[in-house]
């Protein structure tokens, strides 16, 4: 039996493709993640967008937004409050700084 998809932890990638091509919205979204991640296939944002679009999720609208998402800044901020015992204000300040750094770097 083929290994499950490394990106999504679900069915084998070949089965994911079959389901996505058959119109299964969840599989389309997961296949978009596979192309976005690039573990099972060559990373390809264009192909990822092709699979995300039918699900109604437009994906990040800019390279900077995509980088903010990929860097996990938005999920790390709550973790800093819960795990590291930061105040909410500290976490928001950290998150804001990180996001601004990403946008500034990608603007050149």
N, C-alpha and C. Protein backbone atom coordinates (compact mmCIF):
# COMPACT_ATOMS: atom_id res chain seq x y z
N UNK A 1 0.85 -1.18 0.00
CA UNK A 1 0.00 0.00 0.00
C UNK A 1 0.89 1.25 0.00
N UNK A 2 0.62 2.23 -0.88
CA UNK A 2 1.43 3.44 -0.92
C UNK A 2 1.33 4.24 0.38
N UNK A 3 2.39 4.93 0.68
CA UNK A 3 2.41 5.77 1.88
C UNK A 3 1.40 6.91 1.74
N UNK A 4 0.93 7.39 2.87
CA UNK A 4 0.01 8.52 2.83
C UNK A 4 0.74 9.78 2.42
N UNK A 5 -0.02 10.76 2.01
CA UNK A 5 0.52 12.04 1.59
C UNK A 5 1.26 12.69 2.76
N UNK A 6 2.51 13.09 2.54
CA UNK A 6 3.32 13.70 3.59
C UNK A 6 2.78 15.06 4.00
N UNK A 7 2.23 15.80 3.06
CA UNK A 7 1.75 17.15 3.34
C UNK A 7 0.47 17.12 4.16
N UNK A 8 -0.48 16.29 3.76
CA UNK A 8 -1.79 16.32 4.41
C UNK A 8 -2.00 15.21 5.42
N UNK A 9 -1.17 14.14 5.34
CA UNK A 9 -1.33 13.03 6.26
C UNK A 9 -2.56 12.19 5.97
N UNK A 10 -3.07 12.32 4.75
CA UNK A 10 -4.27 11.58 4.39
C UNK A 10 -3.93 10.45 3.42
N UNK A 11 -4.75 10.28 2.44
CA UNK A 11 -4.60 9.20 1.45
C UNK A 11 -3.32 9.38 0.63
N UNK A 12 -2.88 8.33 -0.07
CA UNK A 12 -1.71 8.49 -0.95
C UNK A 12 -1.94 9.61 -1.97
N UNK A 13 -0.88 10.28 -2.36
CA UNK A 13 -0.99 11.40 -3.28
C UNK A 13 -1.68 10.99 -4.58
N UNK A 14 -1.38 9.79 -5.09
CA UNK A 14 -2.01 9.34 -6.34
C UNK A 14 -3.53 9.26 -6.18
N UNK A 15 -3.98 8.79 -5.03
CA UNK A 15 -5.43 8.72 -4.77
C UNK A 15 -6.01 10.11 -4.58
N UNK A 16 -5.25 11.01 -3.96
CA UNK A 16 -5.67 12.39 -3.78
C UNK A 16 -5.92 13.04 -5.14
N UNK A 17 -5.01 12.78 -6.09
CA UNK A 17 -5.15 13.32 -7.45
C UNK A 17 -6.45 12.80 -8.08
N UNK A 18 -6.69 11.51 -7.97
CA UNK A 18 -7.90 10.92 -8.55
C UNK A 18 -9.16 11.55 -7.95
N UNK A 19 -9.16 11.69 -6.65
CA UNK A 19 -10.33 12.28 -5.98
C UNK A 19 -10.52 13.74 -6.40
N UNK A 20 -9.41 14.49 -6.45
CA UNK A 20 -9.48 15.91 -6.83
C UNK A 20 -9.99 16.05 -8.26
N UNK A 21 -9.45 15.24 -9.16
CA UNK A 21 -9.89 15.29 -10.55
C UNK A 21 -11.35 14.89 -10.68
N UNK A 22 -11.84 14.09 -9.74
CA UNK A 22 -13.24 13.68 -9.72
C UNK A 22 -14.17 14.73 -9.14
N UNK A 23 -13.60 15.84 -8.66
CA UNK A 23 -14.41 16.95 -8.17
C UNK A 23 -14.57 17.03 -6.67
N UNK A 24 -13.89 16.19 -5.90
CA UNK A 24 -13.99 16.24 -4.45
C UNK A 24 -13.28 17.50 -3.93
N UNK A 25 -14.05 18.41 -3.35
CA UNK A 25 -13.52 19.71 -2.93
C UNK A 25 -12.42 19.58 -1.88
N UNK A 26 -12.60 18.69 -0.90
CA UNK A 26 -11.57 18.52 0.13
C UNK A 26 -10.26 18.04 -0.50
N UNK A 27 -10.36 17.11 -1.42
CA UNK A 27 -9.16 16.60 -2.10
C UNK A 27 -8.51 17.68 -2.96
N UNK A 28 -9.33 18.51 -3.59
CA UNK A 28 -8.79 19.62 -4.38
C UNK A 28 -7.99 20.56 -3.49
N UNK A 29 -8.54 20.88 -2.33
CA UNK A 29 -7.83 21.76 -1.40
C UNK A 29 -6.53 21.11 -0.92
N UNK A 30 -6.61 19.82 -0.56
CA UNK A 30 -5.41 19.12 -0.09
C UNK A 30 -4.37 19.01 -1.19
N UNK A 31 -4.79 18.79 -2.43
CA UNK A 31 -3.83 18.72 -3.53
C UNK A 31 -3.20 20.09 -3.76
N UNK A 32 -3.95 21.14 -3.57
CA UNK A 32 -3.38 22.49 -3.62
C UNK A 32 -2.27 22.64 -2.59
N UNK A 33 -2.50 22.11 -1.39
CA UNK A 33 -1.48 22.16 -0.35
C UNK A 33 -0.24 21.35 -0.74
N UNK A 34 -0.46 20.21 -1.42
CA UNK A 34 0.66 19.38 -1.85
C UNK A 34 1.55 20.17 -2.81
N UNK A 35 0.94 20.85 -3.77
CA UNK A 35 1.74 21.65 -4.72
C UNK A 35 2.36 22.86 -4.04
N UNK A 36 1.66 23.45 -3.08
CA UNK A 36 2.20 24.59 -2.35
C UNK A 36 3.40 24.18 -1.51
N UNK A 37 3.32 22.99 -0.91
CA UNK A 37 4.36 22.48 -0.02
C UNK A 37 5.57 21.93 -0.78
N UNK A 38 5.31 21.20 -1.88
CA UNK A 38 6.39 20.67 -2.70
C UNK A 38 7.11 19.46 -2.15
N UNK A 39 6.49 18.68 -1.26
CA UNK A 39 7.15 17.48 -0.74
C UNK A 39 6.99 16.29 -1.68
N UNK A 40 5.78 16.04 -2.13
CA UNK A 40 5.52 14.88 -3.00
C UNK A 40 5.71 15.21 -4.48
N UNK A 41 5.58 16.46 -4.82
CA UNK A 41 5.70 16.92 -6.20
C UNK A 41 6.61 18.15 -6.20
N UNK A 42 7.01 18.57 -7.38
CA UNK A 42 7.80 19.81 -7.46
C UNK A 42 6.92 20.97 -7.01
N UNK A 43 7.43 21.81 -6.13
CA UNK A 43 6.66 22.94 -5.61
C UNK A 43 6.26 23.83 -6.79
N UNK A 44 4.97 24.18 -6.83
CA UNK A 44 4.44 24.95 -7.96
C UNK A 44 3.24 25.75 -7.48
N UNK A 45 3.45 27.05 -7.24
CA UNK A 45 2.36 27.89 -6.74
C UNK A 45 1.22 28.01 -7.75
N UNK A 46 1.56 27.98 -9.04
CA UNK A 46 0.53 28.06 -10.07
C UNK A 46 -0.41 26.86 -10.02
N UNK A 47 0.16 25.66 -9.93
CA UNK A 47 -0.65 24.44 -9.82
C UNK A 47 -1.42 24.44 -8.51
N UNK A 48 -0.80 24.93 -7.45
CA UNK A 48 -1.51 25.02 -6.16
C UNK A 48 -2.75 25.89 -6.32
N UNK A 49 -2.58 27.03 -6.95
CA UNK A 49 -3.71 27.95 -7.14
C UNK A 49 -4.80 27.31 -7.99
N UNK A 50 -4.40 26.52 -8.99
CA UNK A 50 -5.39 25.84 -9.83
C UNK A 50 -6.27 24.90 -9.00
N UNK A 51 -5.68 24.25 -8.01
CA UNK A 51 -6.45 23.33 -7.18
C UNK A 51 -7.19 24.05 -6.06
N UNK A 52 -6.64 25.17 -5.57
CA UNK A 52 -7.34 25.92 -4.52
C UNK A 52 -8.57 26.64 -5.08
N UNK A 53 -8.48 27.16 -6.29
CA UNK A 53 -9.55 27.98 -6.86
C UNK A 53 -10.92 27.31 -6.86
N UNK A 54 -11.04 26.03 -7.27
CA UNK A 54 -12.38 25.42 -7.27
C UNK A 54 -13.00 25.29 -5.88
N UNK A 55 -12.18 25.35 -4.85
CA UNK A 55 -12.71 25.21 -3.49
C UNK A 55 -13.23 26.53 -2.95
N UNK A 56 -13.00 27.61 -3.68
CA UNK A 56 -13.45 28.92 -3.24
C UNK A 56 -12.43 29.68 -2.44
N UNK A 57 -11.27 29.06 -2.17
CA UNK A 57 -10.20 29.75 -1.43
C UNK A 57 -9.23 30.35 -2.43
N UNK A 58 -9.13 31.67 -2.47
CA UNK A 58 -8.27 32.29 -3.47
C UNK A 58 -6.79 32.19 -3.16
N UNK A 59 -6.44 31.81 -1.94
CA UNK A 59 -5.03 31.74 -1.57
C UNK A 59 -4.50 33.12 -1.23
N UNK A 60 -3.26 33.19 -0.81
CA UNK A 60 -2.67 34.50 -0.51
C UNK A 60 -2.67 35.37 -1.76
N UNK A 61 -2.98 36.63 -1.57
CA UNK A 61 -3.12 37.52 -2.72
C UNK A 61 -1.80 38.15 -3.17
N UNK A 62 -0.79 38.09 -2.34
CA UNK A 62 0.52 38.65 -2.70
C UNK A 62 1.62 37.71 -2.21
N UNK A 63 2.82 37.92 -2.73
CA UNK A 63 3.96 37.11 -2.27
C UNK A 63 4.21 37.33 -0.78
N UNK A 64 4.04 38.56 -0.33
CA UNK A 64 4.26 38.85 1.09
C UNK A 64 3.21 38.14 1.95
N UNK A 65 1.97 38.15 1.50
CA UNK A 65 0.92 37.45 2.25
C UNK A 65 1.19 35.96 2.30
N UNK A 66 1.67 35.41 1.19
CA UNK A 66 2.01 33.99 1.15
C UNK A 66 3.15 33.68 2.11
N UNK A 67 4.13 34.56 2.19
CA UNK A 67 5.27 34.36 3.09
C UNK A 67 4.83 34.46 4.55
N UNK A 68 3.94 35.39 4.86
CA UNK A 68 3.41 35.50 6.23
C UNK A 68 2.73 34.18 6.60
N UNK A 69 1.93 33.65 5.67
CA UNK A 69 1.25 32.39 5.93
C UNK A 69 2.26 31.26 6.11
N UNK A 70 3.24 31.17 5.21
CA UNK A 70 4.23 30.09 5.24
C UNK A 70 5.11 30.15 6.48
N UNK A 71 5.36 31.33 6.99
CA UNK A 71 6.25 31.48 8.14
C UNK A 71 5.56 31.15 9.47
N UNK A 72 4.26 30.93 9.43
CA UNK A 72 3.48 30.57 10.62
C UNK A 72 3.41 31.67 11.67
N UNK A 73 3.65 32.91 11.28
CA UNK A 73 3.59 34.01 12.24
C UNK A 73 2.21 34.07 12.90
N UNK A 74 1.18 33.89 12.10
CA UNK A 74 -0.18 34.04 12.63
C UNK A 74 -0.55 32.94 13.62
N UNK A 75 0.02 31.77 13.46
CA UNK A 75 -0.26 30.69 14.42
C UNK A 75 0.72 30.69 15.58
N UNK A 76 1.89 31.24 15.37
CA UNK A 76 2.88 31.28 16.44
C UNK A 76 2.54 32.30 17.53
N UNK A 77 1.85 33.37 17.15
CA UNK A 77 1.53 34.41 18.14
C UNK A 77 0.66 33.86 19.28
N UNK A 78 -0.43 33.15 19.00
CA UNK A 78 -1.20 32.58 20.12
C UNK A 78 -0.38 31.57 20.94
N UNK A 79 0.49 30.84 20.27
CA UNK A 79 1.33 29.88 20.98
C UNK A 79 2.25 30.58 21.97
N UNK A 80 2.71 31.76 21.61
CA UNK A 80 3.58 32.51 22.51
C UNK A 80 2.83 32.90 23.79
N UNK A 81 1.54 33.16 23.66
CA UNK A 81 0.72 33.48 24.83
C UNK A 81 0.49 32.24 25.67
N UNK A 82 0.11 31.15 25.01
CA UNK A 82 -0.26 29.93 25.72
C UNK A 82 0.95 29.19 26.28
N UNK A 83 1.94 28.98 25.44
CA UNK A 83 3.09 28.15 25.83
C UNK A 83 4.16 28.97 26.54
N UNK A 84 4.51 30.11 25.94
CA UNK A 84 5.61 30.92 26.49
C UNK A 84 5.15 31.92 27.54
N UNK A 85 3.83 31.98 27.77
CA UNK A 85 3.25 32.85 28.81
C UNK A 85 3.48 34.34 28.55
N UNK A 86 3.56 34.70 27.25
CA UNK A 86 3.64 36.11 26.91
C UNK A 86 2.28 36.75 27.14
N UNK A 87 2.28 38.06 27.33
CA UNK A 87 1.00 38.76 27.38
C UNK A 87 0.46 38.86 25.94
N UNK A 88 -0.82 39.08 25.81
CA UNK A 88 -1.42 39.23 24.49
C UNK A 88 -0.79 40.41 23.77
N UNK A 89 -0.55 41.49 24.49
CA UNK A 89 0.07 42.67 23.88
C UNK A 89 1.47 42.36 23.35
N UNK A 90 2.26 41.57 24.11
CA UNK A 90 3.59 41.19 23.65
C UNK A 90 3.50 40.36 22.37
N UNK A 91 2.58 39.43 22.33
CA UNK A 91 2.43 38.57 21.16
C UNK A 91 2.00 39.37 19.94
N UNK A 92 1.08 40.29 20.12
CA UNK A 92 0.63 41.13 19.01
C UNK A 92 1.77 42.01 18.52
N UNK A 93 2.53 42.57 19.43
CA UNK A 93 3.68 43.41 19.06
C UNK A 93 4.70 42.59 18.26
N UNK A 94 5.00 41.37 18.73
CA UNK A 94 5.93 40.48 18.03
C UNK A 94 5.41 40.13 16.64
N UNK A 95 4.13 39.75 16.59
CA UNK A 95 3.50 39.37 15.31
C UNK A 95 3.54 40.54 14.33
N UNK A 96 3.19 41.72 14.79
CA UNK A 96 3.19 42.91 13.94
C UNK A 96 4.58 43.19 13.39
N UNK A 97 5.60 43.09 14.26
CA UNK A 97 6.98 43.32 13.84
C UNK A 97 7.40 42.31 12.77
N UNK A 98 7.09 41.02 12.99
CA UNK A 98 7.46 39.98 12.04
C UNK A 98 6.79 40.19 10.68
N UNK A 99 5.51 40.53 10.70
CA UNK A 99 4.79 40.75 9.45
C UNK A 99 5.37 41.95 8.70
N UNK A 100 5.67 43.02 9.43
CA UNK A 100 6.27 44.20 8.78
C UNK A 100 7.64 43.86 8.19
N UNK A 101 8.42 43.04 8.90
CA UNK A 101 9.73 42.63 8.37
C UNK A 101 9.58 41.86 7.07
N UNK A 102 8.61 40.96 7.02
CA UNK A 102 8.39 40.17 5.81
C UNK A 102 7.99 41.09 4.66
N UNK A 103 7.03 41.98 4.89
CA UNK A 103 6.58 42.89 3.83
C UNK A 103 7.71 43.80 3.37
N UNK A 104 8.49 44.33 4.32
CA UNK A 104 9.60 45.21 3.95
C UNK A 104 10.66 44.47 3.13
N UNK A 105 10.96 43.23 3.51
CA UNK A 105 11.96 42.44 2.80
C UNK A 105 11.50 42.15 1.37
N UNK A 106 10.24 41.81 1.20
CA UNK A 106 9.76 41.45 -0.14
C UNK A 106 9.49 42.66 -1.02
N UNK A 107 9.37 43.81 -0.44
CA UNK A 107 9.23 45.04 -1.24
C UNK A 107 10.57 45.48 -1.81
N UNK A 108 11.64 45.00 -1.16
CA UNK A 108 12.99 45.29 -1.63
C UNK A 108 13.43 46.60 -1.16
